[in-house]
PDB file of all heavy atoms in Angstrom:
ATOM      1  N   VAL A   1     -38.430 -50.824 -21.334  1.00  0.00           N
ATOM      2  CA  VAL A   1     -37.331 -51.726 -20.986  1.00  0.00           C
ATOM      3  C   VAL A   1     -36.303 -51.004 -20.117  1.00  0.00           C
ATOM      4  O   VAL A   1     -35.852 -51.528 -19.086  1.00  0.00           O
ATOM      5  CB  VAL A   1     -36.667 -52.286 -22.259  1.00  0.00           C
ATOM      6  CG1 VAL A   1     -35.400 -53.069 -21.902  1.00  0.00           C
ATOM      7  CG2 VAL A   1     -37.642 -53.202 -23.006  1.00  0.00           C
ATOM      8  N   LEU A   2     -35.915 -49.784 -20.513  1.00  0.00           N
ATOM      9  CA  LEU A   2     -34.922 -49.033 -19.750  1.00  0.00           C
ATOM     10  C   LEU A   2     -35.423 -48.724 -18.334  1.00  0.00           C
ATOM     11  O   LEU A   2     -34.714 -48.948 -17.346  1.00  0.00           O
ATOM     12  CB  LEU A   2     -34.575 -47.734 -20.475  1.00  0.00           C
ATOM     13  CG  LEU A   2     -33.623 -46.789 -19.726  1.00  0.00           C
ATOM     14  CD1 LEU A   2     -32.280 -47.467 -19.455  1.00  0.00           C
ATOM     15  CD2 LEU A   2     -33.417 -45.501 -20.524  1.00  0.00           C
ATOM     16  N   LEU A   3     -36.642 -48.216 -18.234  1.00  0.00           N
ATOM     17  CA  LEU A   3     -37.188 -47.857 -16.927  1.00  0.00           C
ATOM     18  C   LEU A   3     -37.408 -49.091 -16.062  1.00  0.00           C
ATOM     19  O   LEU A   3     -37.319 -49.008 -14.829  1.00  0.00           O
ATOM     20  CB  LEU A   3     -38.498 -47.086 -17.098  1.00  0.00           C
ATOM     21  CG  LEU A   3     -38.372 -45.686 -17.709  1.00  0.00           C
ATOM     22  CD1 LEU A   3     -39.744 -45.052 -17.886  1.00  0.00           C
ATOM     23  CD2 LEU A   3     -37.484 -44.795 -16.839  1.00  0.00           C
ATOM     24  N   ASN A   4     -37.683 -50.222 -16.685  1.00  0.00           N
ATOM     25  CA  ASN A   4     -37.833 -51.457 -15.927  1.00  0.00           C
ATOM     26  C   ASN A   4     -36.516 -51.841 -15.266  1.00  0.00           C
ATOM     27  O   ASN A   4     -36.485 -52.308 -14.123  1.00  0.00           O
ATOM     28  CB  ASN A   4     -38.326 -52.583 -16.842  1.00  0.00           C
ATOM     29  CG  ASN A   4     -38.866 -53.759 -16.067  1.00  0.00           C
ATOM     30  OD1 ASN A   4     -38.126 -54.649 -15.671  1.00  0.00           O
ATOM     31  ND2 ASN A   4     -40.179 -53.770 -15.860  1.00  0.00           N
ATOM     32  N   GLY A   5     -35.412 -51.615 -15.989  1.00  0.00           N
ATOM     33  CA  GLY A   5     -34.097 -51.880 -15.408  1.00  0.00           C
ATOM     34  C   GLY A   5     -33.803 -50.965 -14.242  1.00  0.00           C
ATOM     35  O   GLY A   5     -33.281 -51.393 -13.204  1.00  0.00           O
ATOM     36  N   VAL A   6     -34.148 -49.671 -14.393  1.00  0.00           N
ATOM     37  CA  VAL A   6     -33.954 -48.717 -13.298  1.00  0.00           C
ATOM     38  C   VAL A   6     -34.812 -49.112 -12.095  1.00  0.00           C
ATOM     39  O   VAL A   6     -34.355 -49.111 -10.947  1.00  0.00           O
ATOM     40  CB  VAL A   6     -34.309 -47.289 -13.755  1.00  0.00           C
ATOM     41  CG1 VAL A   6     -34.218 -46.313 -12.581  1.00  0.00           C
ATOM     42  CG2 VAL A   6     -33.391 -46.844 -14.892  1.00  0.00           C
ATOM     43  N   ALA A   7     -36.067 -49.469 -12.369  1.00  0.00           N
ATOM     44  CA  ALA A   7     -36.986 -49.855 -11.296  1.00  0.00           C
ATOM     45  C   ALA A   7     -36.495 -51.087 -10.556  1.00  0.00           C
ATOM     46  O   ALA A   7     -36.598 -51.179  -9.327  1.00  0.00           O
ATOM     47  CB  ALA A   7     -38.377 -50.110 -11.876  1.00  0.00           C
ATOM     48  N   THR A   8     -35.952 -52.045 -11.296  1.00  0.00           N
ATOM     49  CA  THR A   8     -35.407 -53.249 -10.672  1.00  0.00           C
ATOM     50  C   THR A   8     -34.278 -52.889  -9.712  1.00  0.00           C
ATOM     51  O   THR A   8     -34.204 -53.400  -8.591  1.00  0.00           O
ATOM     52  CB  THR A   8     -34.899 -54.225 -11.745  1.00  0.00           C
ATOM     53  OG1 THR A   8     -35.989 -54.618 -12.585  1.00  0.00           O
ATOM     54  CG2 THR A   8     -34.279 -55.471 -11.119  1.00  0.00           C
ATOM     55  N   GLY A   9     -33.394 -51.992 -10.155  1.00  0.00           N
ATOM     56  CA  GLY A   9     -32.309 -51.544  -9.294  1.00  0.00           C
ATOM     57  C   GLY A   9     -32.809 -50.835  -8.053  1.00  0.00           C
ATOM     58  O   GLY A   9     -32.283 -51.034  -6.950  1.00  0.00           O
ATOM     59  N   LEU A  10     -33.852 -50.023  -8.205  1.00  0.00           N
ATOM     60  CA  LEU A  10     -34.394 -49.280  -7.072  1.00  0.00           C
ATOM     61  C   LEU A  10     -34.983 -50.207  -6.016  1.00  0.00           C
ATOM     62  O   LEU A  10     -34.638 -50.129  -4.838  1.00  0.00           O
ATOM     63  CB  LEU A  10     -35.465 -48.297  -7.549  1.00  0.00           C
ATOM     64  CG  LEU A  10     -34.981 -46.986  -8.174  1.00  0.00           C
ATOM     65  CD1 LEU A  10     -36.128 -46.274  -8.879  1.00  0.00           C
ATOM     66  CD2 LEU A  10     -34.381 -46.082  -7.103  1.00  0.00           C
ATOM     67  N   TYR A  11     -35.873 -51.111  -6.429  1.00  0.00           N
ATOM     68  CA  TYR A  11     -36.574 -51.886  -5.402  1.00  0.00           C
ATOM     69  C   TYR A  11     -35.700 -52.992  -4.822  1.00  0.00           C
ATOM     70  O   TYR A  11     -35.767 -53.272  -3.616  1.00  0.00           O
ATOM     71  CB  TYR A  11     -37.924 -52.402  -5.918  1.00  0.00           C
ATOM     72  CG  TYR A  11     -37.950 -53.768  -6.549  1.00  0.00           C
ATOM     73  CD1 TYR A  11     -37.969 -54.920  -5.752  1.00  0.00           C
ATOM     74  CD2 TYR A  11     -38.019 -53.933  -7.925  1.00  0.00           C
ATOM     75  CE1 TYR A  11     -38.026 -56.185  -6.330  1.00  0.00           C
ATOM     76  CE2 TYR A  11     -38.075 -55.170  -8.500  1.00  0.00           C
ATOM     77  CZ  TYR A  11     -38.080 -56.300  -7.701  1.00  0.00           C
ATOM     78  OH  TYR A  11     -38.130 -57.548  -8.269  1.00  0.00           O
ATOM     79  N   ILE A  12     -34.856 -53.603  -5.629  1.00  0.00           N
ATOM     80  CA  ILE A  12     -33.944 -54.608  -5.072  1.00  0.00           C
ATOM     81  C   ILE A  12     -32.843 -53.925  -4.270  1.00  0.00           C
ATOM     82  O   ILE A  12     -32.444 -54.397  -3.200  1.00  0.00           O
ATOM     83  CB  ILE A  12     -33.351 -55.482  -6.186  1.00  0.00           C
ATOM     84  CG1 ILE A  12     -34.455 -56.338  -6.822  1.00  0.00           C
ATOM     85  CG2 ILE A  12     -32.230 -56.377  -5.643  1.00  0.00           C
ATOM     86  CD1 ILE A  12     -33.975 -57.252  -7.935  1.00  0.00           C
ATOM     87  N   GLY A  13     -32.358 -52.779  -4.760  1.00  0.00           N
ATOM     88  CA  GLY A  13     -31.316 -52.043  -4.067  1.00  0.00           C
ATOM     89  C   GLY A  13     -31.745 -51.519  -2.708  1.00  0.00           C
ATOM     90  O   GLY A  13     -30.911 -51.253  -1.841  1.00  0.00           O
ATOM     91  N   ALA A  14     -33.055 -51.381  -2.484  1.00  0.00           N
ATOM     92  CA  ALA A  14     -33.547 -50.940  -1.180  1.00  0.00           C
ATOM     93  C   ALA A  14     -33.299 -51.989  -0.104  1.00  0.00           C
ATOM     94  O   ALA A  14     -33.281 -51.685   1.088  1.00  0.00           O
ATOM     95  CB  ALA A  14     -35.036 -50.612  -1.258  1.00  0.00           C
ATOM     96  N   GLY A  15     -33.127 -53.236  -0.523  1.00  0.00           N
ATOM     97  CA  GLY A  15     -32.784 -54.297   0.417  1.00  0.00           C
ATOM     98  C   GLY A  15     -33.878 -54.658   1.398  1.00  0.00           C
ATOM     99  O   GLY A  15     -33.602 -55.055   2.529  1.00  0.00           O
ATOM    100  N   LEU A  16     -35.155 -54.542   0.979  1.00  0.00           N
ATOM    101  CA  LEU A  16     -36.270 -54.830   1.880  1.00  0.00           C
ATOM    102  C   LEU A  16     -37.050 -56.068   1.464  1.00  0.00           C
ATOM    103  O   LEU A  16     -38.175 -56.277   1.905  1.00  0.00           O
ATOM    104  CB  LEU A  16     -37.202 -53.614   1.947  1.00  0.00           C
ATOM    105  CG  LEU A  16     -36.576 -52.370   2.586  1.00  0.00           C
ATOM    106  CD1 LEU A  16     -37.492 -51.164   2.432  1.00  0.00           C
ATOM    107  CD2 LEU A  16     -36.272 -52.617   4.054  1.00  0.00           C
ATOM    108  N   GLY A  17     -36.443 -56.901   0.639  1.00  0.00           N
ATOM    109  CA  GLY A  17     -37.079 -58.156   0.255  1.00  0.00           C
ATOM    110  C   GLY A  17     -37.263 -58.266  -1.245  1.00  0.00           C
ATOM    111  O   GLY A  17     -37.637 -57.281  -1.896  1.00  0.00           O
ATOM    112  N   PRO A  18     -36.999 -59.445  -1.822  1.00  0.00           N
ATOM    113  CA  PRO A  18     -37.165 -59.641  -3.261  1.00  0.00           C
ATOM    114  C   PRO A  18     -38.630 -59.772  -3.646  1.00  0.00           C
ATOM    115  O   PRO A  18     -39.503 -59.959  -2.794  1.00  0.00           O
ATOM    116  CB  PRO A  18     -36.420 -60.960  -3.503  1.00  0.00           C
ATOM    117  CG  PRO A  18     -36.624 -61.720  -2.227  1.00  0.00           C
ATOM    118  CD  PRO A  18     -36.565 -60.677  -1.137  1.00  0.00           C
ATOM    119  N   GLY A  19     -38.904 -59.667  -4.941  1.00  0.00           N
ATOM    120  CA  GLY A  19     -40.248 -59.905  -5.423  1.00  0.00           C
ATOM    121  C   GLY A  19     -40.610 -61.377  -5.278  1.00  0.00           C
ATOM    122  O   GLY A  19     -39.729 -62.230  -5.139  1.00  0.00           O
ATOM    123  N   PRO A  20     -41.910 -61.713  -5.304  1.00  0.00           N
ATOM    124  CA  PRO A  20     -42.313 -63.110  -5.112  1.00  0.00           C
ATOM    125  C   PRO A  20     -41.743 -64.056  -6.159  1.00  0.00           C
ATOM    126  O   PRO A  20     -41.360 -65.185  -5.840  1.00  0.00           O
ATOM    127  CB  PRO A  20     -43.843 -63.049  -5.176  1.00  0.00           C
ATOM    128  CG  PRO A  20     -44.169 -61.761  -5.852  1.00  0.00           C
ATOM    129  CD  PRO A  20     -43.066 -60.820  -5.491  1.00  0.00           C
ATOM    130  N   ARG A  21     -41.638 -63.607  -7.402  1.00  0.00           N
ATOM    131  CA  ARG A  21     -41.126 -64.472  -8.461  1.00  0.00           C
ATOM    132  C   ARG A  21     -39.618 -64.684  -8.306  1.00  0.00           C
ATOM    133  O   ARG A  21     -39.124 -65.788  -8.541  1.00  0.00           O
ATOM    134  CB  ARG A  21     -41.475 -63.862  -9.823  1.00  0.00           C
ATOM    135  CG  ARG A  21     -42.997 -63.805 -10.068  1.00  0.00           C
ATOM    136  CD  ARG A  21     -43.383 -62.722 -11.064  1.00  0.00           C
ATOM    137  NE  ARG A  21     -44.815 -62.583 -11.203  1.00  0.00           N
ATOM    138  CZ  ARG A  21     -45.591 -61.875 -10.366  1.00  0.00           C
ATOM    139  NH1 ARG A  21     -45.059 -61.243  -9.334  1.00  0.00           N
ATOM    140  NH2 ARG A  21     -46.885 -61.800 -10.570  1.00  0.00           N
ATOM    141  N   ASP A  22     -38.892 -63.628  -7.908  1.00  0.00           N
ATOM    142  CA  ASP A  22     -37.461 -63.765  -7.665  1.00  0.00           C
ATOM    143  C   ASP A  22     -37.200 -64.705  -6.493  1.00  0.00           C
ATOM    144  O   ASP A  22     -36.269 -65.509  -6.513  1.00  0.00           O
ATOM    145  CB  ASP A  22     -36.832 -62.400  -7.370  1.00  0.00           C
ATOM    146  CG  ASP A  22     -36.846 -61.479  -8.579  1.00  0.00           C
ATOM    147  OD1 ASP A  22     -36.777 -61.999  -9.706  1.00  0.00           O
ATOM    148  OD2 ASP A  22     -36.922 -60.257  -8.400  1.00  0.00           O
ATOM    149  N   GLY A  23     -38.024 -64.596  -5.459  1.00  0.00           N
ATOM    150  CA  GLY A  23     -37.861 -65.456  -4.294  1.00  0.00           C
ATOM    151  C   GLY A  23     -38.137 -66.912  -4.615  1.00  0.00           C
ATOM    152  O   GLY A  23     -37.476 -67.814  -4.077  1.00  0.00           O
ATOM    153  N   LEU A  24     -39.114 -67.161  -5.486  1.00  0.00           N
ATOM    154  CA  LEU A  24     -39.387 -68.537  -5.909  1.00  0.00           C
ATOM    155  C   LEU A  24     -38.181 -69.102  -6.638  1.00  0.00           C
ATOM    156  O   LEU A  24     -37.767 -70.244  -6.395  1.00  0.00           O
ATOM    157  CB  LEU A  24     -40.623 -68.566  -6.820  1.00  0.00           C
ATOM    158  CG  LEU A  24     -40.962 -69.922  -7.445  1.00  0.00           C
ATOM    159  CD1 LEU A  24     -41.314 -70.946  -6.366  1.00  0.00           C
ATOM    160  CD2 LEU A  24     -42.125 -69.773  -8.436  1.00  0.00           C
ATOM    161  N   MET A  25     -37.604 -68.295  -7.501  1.00  0.00           N
ATOM    162  CA  MET A  25     -36.436 -68.724  -8.268  1.00  0.00           C
ATOM    163  C   MET A  25     -35.268 -69.059  -7.356  1.00  0.00           C
ATOM    164  O   MET A  25     -34.660 -70.133  -7.468  1.00  0.00           O
ATOM    165  CB  MET A  25     -36.039 -67.615  -9.248  1.00  0.00           C
ATOM    166  CG  MET A  25     -34.762 -67.879 -10.023  1.00  0.00           C
ATOM    167  SD  MET A  25     -34.329 -66.452 -11.061  1.00  0.00           S
ATOM    168  CE  MET A  25     -33.972 -65.208  -9.813  1.00  0.00           C
ATOM    169  N   THR A  26     -34.954 -68.164  -6.426  1.00  0.00           N
ATOM    170  CA  THR A  26     -33.818 -68.411  -5.542  1.00  0.00           C
ATOM    171  C   THR A  26     -34.101 -69.540  -4.567  1.00  0.00           C
ATOM    172  O   THR A  26     -33.201 -70.280  -4.182  1.00  0.00           O
ATOM    173  CB  THR A  26     -33.443 -67.130  -4.766  1.00  0.00           C
ATOM    174  OG1 THR A  26     -34.595 -66.648  -4.054  1.00  0.00           O
ATOM    175  CG2 THR A  26     -32.948 -66.054  -5.709  1.00  0.00           C
ATOM    176  N   GLY A  27     -35.375 -69.683  -4.170  1.00  0.00           N
ATOM    177  CA  GLY A  27     -35.736 -70.782  -3.279  1.00  0.00           C
ATOM    178  C   GLY A  27     -35.556 -72.134  -3.925  1.00  0.00           C
ATOM    179  O   GLY A  27     -35.052 -73.084  -3.304  1.00  0.00           O
ATOM    180  N   LEU A  28     -35.961 -72.239  -5.188  1.00  0.00           N
ATOM    181  CA  LEU A  28     -35.768 -73.498  -5.920  1.00  0.00           C
ATOM    182  C   LEU A  28     -34.286 -73.759  -6.169  1.00  0.00           C
ATOM    183  O   LEU A  28     -33.822 -74.900  -6.081  1.00  0.00           O
ATOM    184  CB  LEU A  28     -36.531 -73.450  -7.249  1.00  0.00           C
ATOM    185  CG  LEU A  28     -38.059 -73.489  -7.146  1.00  0.00           C
ATOM    186  CD1 LEU A  28     -38.691 -73.205  -8.506  1.00  0.00           C
ATOM    187  CD2 LEU A  28     -38.530 -74.855  -6.632  1.00  0.00           C
ATOM    188  N   ALA A  29     -33.558 -72.690  -6.470  1.00  0.00           N
ATOM    189  CA  ALA A  29     -32.121 -72.848  -6.721  1.00  0.00           C
ATOM    190  C   ALA A  29     -31.398 -73.312  -5.463  1.00  0.00           C
ATOM    191  O   ALA A  29     -30.426 -74.077  -5.536  1.00  0.00           O
ATOM    192  CB  ALA A  29     -31.530 -71.530  -7.205  1.00  0.00           C
ATOM    193  N   ALA A  30     -31.896 -72.887  -4.293  1.00  0.00           N
ATOM    194  CA  ALA A  30     -31.268 -73.289  -3.032  1.00  0.00           C
ATOM    195  C   ALA A  30     -31.424 -74.781  -2.749  1.00  0.00           C
ATOM    196  O   ALA A  30     -30.729 -75.333  -1.901  1.00  0.00           O
ATOM    197  CB  ALA A  30     -31.859 -72.477  -1.878  1.00  0.00           C
ATOM    198  N   ARG A  31     -32.330 -75.428  -3.481  1.00  0.00           N
ATOM    199  CA  ARG A  31     -32.524 -76.863  -3.319  1.00  0.00           C
ATOM    200  C   ARG A  31     -31.523 -77.677  -4.137  1.00  0.00           C
ATOM    201  O   ARG A  31     -31.675 -78.882  -4.299  1.00  0.00           O
ATOM    202  CB  ARG A  31     -33.958 -77.245  -3.722  1.00  0.00           C
ATOM    203  CG  ARG A  31     -35.033 -76.674  -2.794  1.00  0.00           C
ATOM    204  CD  ARG A  31     -34.861 -77.180  -1.387  1.00  0.00           C
ATOM    205  NE  ARG A  31     -35.853 -76.696  -0.458  1.00  0.00           N
ATOM    206  CZ  ARG A  31     -36.969 -77.361  -0.125  1.00  0.00           C
ATOM    207  NH1 ARG A  31     -37.229 -78.525  -0.679  1.00  0.00           N
ATOM    208  NH2 ARG A  31     -37.802 -76.861   0.770  1.00  0.00           N
ATOM    209  N   GLY A  32     -30.539 -76.997  -4.682  1.00  0.00           N
ATOM    210  CA  GLY A  32     -29.480 -77.707  -5.384  1.00  0.00           C
ATOM    211  C   GLY A  32     -29.526 -77.599  -6.892  1.00  0.00           C
ATOM    212  O   GLY A  32     -28.820 -78.319  -7.592  1.00  0.00           O
ATOM    213  N   HIS A  33     -30.357 -76.696  -7.408  1.00  0.00           N
ATOM    214  CA  HIS A  33     -30.476 -76.522  -8.856  1.00  0.00           C
ATOM    215  C   HIS A  33     -29.737 -75.255  -9.289  1.00  0.00           C
ATOM    216  O   HIS A  33     -29.595 -74.312  -8.521  1.00  0.00           O
ATOM    217  CB  HIS A  33     -31.944 -76.435  -9.266  1.00  0.00           C
ATOM    218  CG  HIS A  33     -32.781 -77.579  -8.798  1.00  0.00           C
ATOM    219  ND1 HIS A  33     -32.685 -78.842  -9.323  1.00  0.00           N
ATOM    220  CD2 HIS A  33     -33.716 -77.651  -7.815  1.00  0.00           C
ATOM    221  CE1 HIS A  33     -33.537 -79.644  -8.711  1.00  0.00           C
ATOM    222  NE2 HIS A  33     -34.179 -78.946  -7.790  1.00  0.00           N
ATOM    223  N   SER A  34     -29.299 -75.226 -10.529  1.00  0.00           N
ATOM    224  CA  SER A  34     -28.666 -74.035 -11.078  1.00  0.00           C
ATOM    225  C   SER A  34     -29.702 -72.935 -11.194  1.00  0.00           C
ATOM    226  O   SER A  34     -30.804 -73.138 -11.705  1.00  0.00           O
ATOM    227  CB  SER A  34     -28.082 -74.339 -12.463  1.00  0.00           C
ATOM    228  OG  SER A  34     -27.808 -73.139 -13.153  1.00  0.00           O
ATOM    229  N   ILE A  35     -29.352 -71.736 -10.723  1.00  0.00           N
ATOM    230  CA  ILE A  35     -30.300 -70.627 -10.791  1.00  0.00           C
ATOM    231  C   ILE A  35     -30.617 -70.270 -12.244  1.00  0.00           C
ATOM    232  O   ILE A  35     -31.718 -69.841 -12.569  1.00  0.00           O
ATOM    233  CB  ILE A  35     -29.760 -69.407 -10.010  1.00  0.00           C
ATOM    234  CG1 ILE A  35     -30.897 -68.416  -9.743  1.00  0.00           C
ATOM    235  CG2 ILE A  35     -28.619 -68.720 -10.757  1.00  0.00           C
ATOM    236  CD1 ILE A  35     -30.543 -67.353  -8.730  1.00  0.00           C
ATOM    237  N   ARG A  36     -29.651 -70.475 -13.135  1.00  0.00           N
ATOM    238  CA  ARG A  36     -29.901 -70.201 -14.557  1.00  0.00           C
ATOM    239  C   ARG A  36     -30.930 -71.173 -15.120  1.00  0.00           C
ATOM    240  O   ARG A  36     -31.834 -70.780 -15.864  1.00  0.00           O
ATOM    241  CB  ARG A  36     -28.594 -70.302 -15.337  1.00  0.00           C
ATOM    242  CG  ARG A  36     -27.579 -69.226 -14.965  1.00  0.00           C
ATOM    243  CD  ARG A  36     -26.264 -69.439 -15.668  1.00  0.00           C
ATOM    244  NE  ARG A  36     -25.265 -68.449 -15.251  1.00  0.00           N
ATOM    245  CZ  ARG A  36     -24.007 -68.464 -15.624  1.00  0.00           C
ATOM    246  NH1 ARG A  36     -23.566 -69.404 -16.437  1.00  0.00           N
ATOM    247  NH2 ARG A  36     -23.173 -67.522 -15.203  1.00  0.00           N
ATOM    248  N   VAL A  37     -30.809 -72.450 -14.743  1.00  0.00           N
ATOM    249  CA  VAL A  37     -31.752 -73.460 -15.219  1.00  0.00           C
ATOM    250  C   VAL A  37     -33.138 -73.197 -14.645  1.00  0.00           C
ATOM    251  O   VAL A  37     -34.157 -73.268 -15.360  1.00  0.00           O
ATOM    252  CB  VAL A  37     -31.267 -74.878 -14.838  1.00  0.00           C
ATOM    253  CG1 VAL A  37     -32.343 -75.912 -15.151  1.00  0.00           C
ATOM    254  CG2 VAL A  37     -29.972 -75.210 -15.570  1.00  0.00           C
ATOM    255  N   VAL A  38     -33.201 -72.874 -13.358  1.00  0.00           N
ATOM    256  CA  VAL A  38     -34.485 -72.619 -12.712  1.00  0.00           C
ATOM    257  C   VAL A  38     -35.170 -71.417 -13.349  1.00  0.00           C
ATOM    258  O   VAL A  38     -36.354 -71.472 -13.696  1.00  0.00           O
ATOM    259  CB  VAL A  38     -34.293 -72.382 -11.199  1.00  0.00           C
ATOM    260  CG1 VAL A  38     -35.599 -71.881 -10.571  1.00  0.00           C
ATOM    261  CG2 VAL A  38     -33.840 -73.656 -10.512  1.00  0.00           C
ATOM    262  N   ARG A  39     -34.423 -70.317 -13.526  1.00  0.00           N
ATOM    263  CA  ARG A  39     -35.025 -69.120 -14.107  1.00  0.00           C
ATOM    264  C   ARG A  39     -35.497 -69.381 -15.532  1.00  0.00           C
ATOM    265  O   ARG A  39     -36.600 -68.973 -15.916  1.00  0.00           O
ATOM    266  CB  ARG A  39     -34.027 -67.962 -14.084  1.00  0.00           C
ATOM    267  CG  ARG A  39     -34.590 -66.712 -14.755  1.00  0.00           C
ATOM    268  CD  ARG A  39     -33.795 -65.484 -14.476  1.00  0.00           C
ATOM    269  NE  ARG A  39     -34.437 -64.321 -15.062  1.00  0.00           N
ATOM    270  CZ  ARG A  39     -34.152 -63.079 -14.753  1.00  0.00           C
ATOM    271  NH1 ARG A  39     -33.244 -62.815 -13.848  1.00  0.00           N
ATOM    272  NH2 ARG A  39     -34.780 -62.073 -15.337  1.00  0.00           N
ATOM    273  N   THR A  40     -34.669 -70.055 -16.310  1.00  0.00           N
ATOM    274  CA  THR A  40     -35.043 -70.341 -17.693  1.00  0.00           C
ATOM    275  C   THR A  40     -36.286 -71.212 -17.748  1.00  0.00           C
ATOM    276  O   THR A  40     -37.209 -70.954 -18.541  1.00  0.00           O
ATOM    277  CB  THR A  40     -33.879 -71.043 -18.429  1.00  0.00           C
ATOM    278  OG1 THR A  40     -32.735 -70.183 -18.418  1.00  0.00           O
ATOM    279  CG2 THR A  40     -34.268 -71.357 -19.865  1.00  0.00           C
TER     280      THR A  40
END
């Protein structure tokens, strides 16, 4: 769990593109839905 948090910071912090699942979430949220509702 701890290393997963560090890894998330590393790859997202690099700023070279989100993961496919994160992009799906933000893409759906951009259609007018709450990102919390979409992720849940």
